[in-house]
């Protein structure tokens, strides 16, 4: 099963939206690994919201920061080889075209109410 989300909006929506509908402990033992670039604007907010999501659901949120130049090759290698150690990749919108053409993105519509 593919488990990828497109961009920061999808990551934020997932963290916020699921927390509103999930009960505490519902996702105990689940870990969501997010890859993004360093800094307070994206990684910092994901980490903050991740703590709230953890408290609300029991899922563990791991935010990994890498230099911007490393994001695309790491995501592409992880997803194309089936390693799937990255659940959410926060990347430049233009990269979505290439990742989608390679069949590495999942349609998120069924998960958004």
C-alpha atoms as a PDB file:
ATOM      1  CA  UNK A   1       0.000   0.000   0.000  1.00  0.00           C
ATOM      2  CA  UNK A   2       1.319   3.411  -0.866  1.00  0.00           C
ATOM      3  CA  UNK A   3       1.412   5.772   2.071  1.00  0.00           C
ATOM      4  CA  UNK A   4       2.572   9.080   0.672  1.00  0.00           C
ATOM      5  CA  UNK A   5       1.154  12.566   1.011  1.00  0.00           C
ATOM      6  CA  UNK A   6       1.762  15.613  -1.106  1.00  0.00           C
ATOM      7  CA  UNK A   7       3.411  18.617   0.528  1.00  0.00           C
ATOM      8  CA  UNK A   8       3.120  20.396   3.808  1.00  0.00           C
ATOM      9  CA  UNK A   9      -0.600  21.038   3.439  1.00  0.00           C
ATOM     10  CA  UNK A  10      -1.379  17.354   3.296  1.00  0.00           C
ATOM     11  CA  UNK A  11       0.903  16.678   6.249  1.00  0.00           C
ATOM     12  CA  UNK A  12      -0.676  19.429   8.310  1.00  0.00           C
ATOM     13  CA  UNK A  13      -4.169  18.371   7.304  1.00  0.00           C
ATOM     14  CA  UNK A  14      -3.444  14.792   8.255  1.00  0.00           C
ATOM     15  CA  UNK A  15      -2.087  15.744  11.655  1.00  0.00           C
ATOM     16  CA  UNK A  16      -4.875  18.192  12.443  1.00  0.00           C
ATOM     17  CA  UNK A  17      -7.801  16.422  10.832  1.00  0.00           C
ATOM     18  CA  UNK A  18      -7.105  12.969  12.209  1.00  0.00           C
ATOM     19  CA  UNK A  19      -6.590  14.320  15.702  1.00  0.00           C
ATOM     20  CA  UNK A  20     -10.063  15.826  15.629  1.00  0.00           C
ATOM     21  CA  UNK A  21     -11.717  12.502  14.804  1.00  0.00           C
ATOM     22  CA  UNK A  22      -9.445  10.003  16.524  1.00  0.00           C
ATOM     23  CA  UNK A  23      -9.783   9.029  20.151  1.00  0.00           C
ATOM     24  CA  UNK A  24      -6.829   8.981  22.531  1.00  0.00           C
ATOM     25  CA  UNK A  25      -4.837   5.789  22.138  1.00  0.00           C
ATOM     26  CA  UNK A  26      -6.555   4.789  18.904  1.00  0.00           C
ATOM     27  CA  UNK A  27      -3.218   4.789  17.068  1.00  0.00           C
ATOM     28  CA  UNK A  28      -0.954   3.491  19.854  1.00  0.00           C
ATOM     29  CA  UNK A  29       2.078   1.826  18.305  1.00  0.00           C
ATOM     30  CA  UNK A  30       1.753   3.674  14.983  1.00  0.00           C
ATOM     31  CA  UNK A  31       4.685   5.838  13.882  1.00  0.00           C
ATOM     32  CA  UNK A  32       4.431   8.447  11.127  1.00  0.00           C
ATOM     33  CA  UNK A  33       7.809   9.453   9.664  1.00  0.00           C
ATOM     34  CA  UNK A  34       7.871  12.896   8.041  1.00  0.00           C
ATOM     35  CA  UNK A  35      10.800  14.148   5.940  1.00  0.00           C
ATOM     36  CA  UNK A  36      11.167  17.908   5.472  1.00  0.00           C
ATOM     37  CA  UNK A  37      13.700  20.714   5.321  1.00  0.00           C
ATOM     38  CA  UNK A  38      15.043  22.307   8.506  1.00  0.00           C
ATOM     39  CA  UNK A  39      13.636  25.359  10.171  1.00  0.00           C
ATOM     40  CA  UNK A  40      10.747  26.643  12.239  1.00  0.00           C
ATOM     41  CA  UNK A  41       8.339  27.398   9.394  1.00  0.00           C
ATOM     42  CA  UNK A  42       7.710  23.826   8.249  1.00  0.00           C
ATOM     43  CA  UNK A  43       9.648  21.366  10.412  1.00  0.00           C
ATOM     44  CA  UNK A  44       9.025  23.376  13.566  1.00  0.00           C
ATOM     45  CA  UNK A  45       5.271  23.553  13.025  1.00  0.00           C
ATOM     46  CA  UNK A  46       5.081  19.873  12.092  1.00  0.00           C
ATOM     47  CA  UNK A  47       6.918  18.971  15.302  1.00  0.00           C
ATOM     48  CA  UNK A  48       4.611  21.190  17.390  1.00  0.00           C
ATOM     49  CA  UNK A  49       1.443  19.845  15.800  1.00  0.00           C
ATOM     50  CA  UNK A  50       2.906  16.351  15.949  1.00  0.00           C
ATOM     51  CA  UNK A  51       3.063  16.563  19.748  1.00  0.00           C
ATOM     52  CA  UNK A  52      -0.600  17.556  19.837  1.00  0.00           C
ATOM     53  CA  UNK A  53      -1.459  14.715  17.471  1.00  0.00           C
ATOM     54  CA  UNK A  54       0.492  12.245  19.630  1.00  0.00           C
ATOM     55  CA  UNK A  55      -1.386  13.356  22.747  1.00  0.00           C
ATOM     56  CA  UNK A  56      -4.747  13.104  20.990  1.00  0.00           C
ATOM     57  CA  UNK A  57      -4.232   9.771  19.216  1.00  0.00           C
ATOM     58  CA  UNK A  58      -1.287   7.860  20.654  1.00  0.00           C
ATOM     59  CA  UNK A  59       0.534   7.829  17.298  1.00  0.00           C
ATOM     60  CA  UNK A  60       4.197   8.823  17.343  1.00  0.00           C
ATOM     61  CA  UNK A  61       5.235  11.582  14.926  1.00  0.00           C
ATOM     62  CA  UNK A  62       8.897  11.668  13.862  1.00  0.00           C
ATOM     63  CA  UNK A  63       9.985  14.771  11.943  1.00  0.00           C
ATOM     64  CA  UNK A  64      13.324  14.342  10.172  1.00  0.00           C
ATOM     65  CA  UNK A  65      15.026  17.450   8.822  1.00  0.00           C
ATOM     66  CA  UNK A  66      17.448  17.283   5.887  1.00  0.00           C
ATOM     67  CA  UNK A  67      18.914  20.006   3.656  1.00  0.00           C
ATOM     68  CA  UNK A  68      16.558  21.050   0.863  1.00  0.00           C
ATOM     69  CA  UNK A  69      18.849  19.585  -1.819  1.00  0.00           C
ATOM     70  CA  UNK A  70      18.559  16.129  -0.221  1.00  0.00           C
ATOM     71  CA  UNK A  71      14.765  15.936   0.043  1.00  0.00           C
ATOM     72  CA  UNK A  72      13.903  14.861  -3.519  1.00  0.00           C
ATOM     73  CA  UNK A  73      16.605  12.189  -3.909  1.00  0.00           C
ATOM     74  CA  UNK A  74      15.809  10.723  -0.476  1.00  0.00           C
ATOM     75  CA  UNK A  75      12.069  10.573  -1.174  1.00  0.00           C
ATOM     76  CA  UNK A  76      12.558   9.202  -4.690  1.00  0.00           C
ATOM     77  CA  UNK A  77      14.978   6.496  -3.538  1.00  0.00           C
ATOM     78  CA  UNK A  78      12.867   5.494  -0.529  1.00  0.00           C
ATOM     79  CA  UNK A  79       9.552   5.303  -2.349  1.00  0.00           C
ATOM     80  CA  UNK A  80      10.785   3.828  -5.648  1.00  0.00           C
ATOM     81  CA  UNK A  81      12.642   0.976  -3.941  1.00  0.00           C
ATOM     82  CA  UNK A  82       9.690   0.148  -1.693  1.00  0.00           C
ATOM     83  CA  UNK A  83      11.675   0.888   1.455  1.00  0.00           C
ATOM     84  CA  UNK A  84       8.825   3.139   2.620  1.00  0.00           C
ATOM     85  CA  UNK A  85      10.618   4.473   5.682  1.00  0.00           C
ATOM     86  CA  UNK A  86       9.246   7.925   4.802  1.00  0.00           C
ATOM     87  CA  UNK A  87       5.483   8.160   5.274  1.00  0.00           C
ATOM     88  CA  UNK A  88       5.138  11.867   4.503  1.00  0.00           C
ATOM     89  CA  UNK A  89       7.430  13.909   2.302  1.00  0.00           C
ATOM     90  CA  UNK A  90       7.219  17.690   2.400  1.00  0.00           C
ATOM     91  CA  UNK A  91       8.668  18.753  -0.939  1.00  0.00           C
ATOM     92  CA  UNK A  92       8.570  21.451  -3.598  1.00  0.00           C
ATOM     93  CA  UNK A  93       5.308  21.355  -5.544  1.00  0.00           C
ATOM     94  CA  UNK A  94       7.092  20.991  -8.878  1.00  0.00           C
ATOM     95  CA  UNK A  95       8.559  17.674  -7.799  1.00  0.00           C
ATOM     96  CA  UNK A  96       5.051  16.254  -7.467  1.00  0.00           C
ATOM     97  CA  UNK A  97       4.744  15.946 -11.247  1.00  0.00           C
ATOM     98  CA  UNK A  98       7.796  13.714 -11.478  1.00  0.00           C
ATOM     99  CA  UNK A  99       6.887  11.651  -8.409  1.00  0.00           C
ATOM    100  CA  UNK A 100       3.332  11.197  -9.702  1.00  0.00           C
ATOM    101  CA  UNK A 101       4.550  10.182 -13.177  1.00  0.00           C
ATOM    102  CA  UNK A 102       6.620   7.483 -11.481  1.00  0.00           C
ATOM    103  CA  UNK A 103       3.515   6.234  -9.633  1.00  0.00           C
ATOM    104  CA  UNK A 104       4.915   7.207  -6.242  1.00  0.00           C
ATOM    105  CA  UNK A 105       2.051   9.386  -4.970  1.00  0.00           C
ATOM    106  CA  UNK A 106      -1.293   8.356  -3.584  1.00  0.00           C
ATOM    107  CA  UNK A 107      -4.536  10.237  -4.187  1.00  0.00           C
ATOM    108  CA  UNK A 108      -5.507  11.759  -0.837  1.00  0.00           C
ATOM    109  CA  UNK A 109      -9.129  12.552  -1.747  1.00  0.00           C
ATOM    110  CA  UNK A 110     -10.535   9.426  -0.035  1.00  0.00           C
ATOM    111  CA  UNK A 111      -8.894  10.500   3.242  1.00  0.00           C
ATOM    112  CA  UNK A 112     -10.190  14.078   3.295  1.00  0.00           C
ATOM    113  CA  UNK A 113     -13.767  14.709   4.368  1.00  0.00           C
END
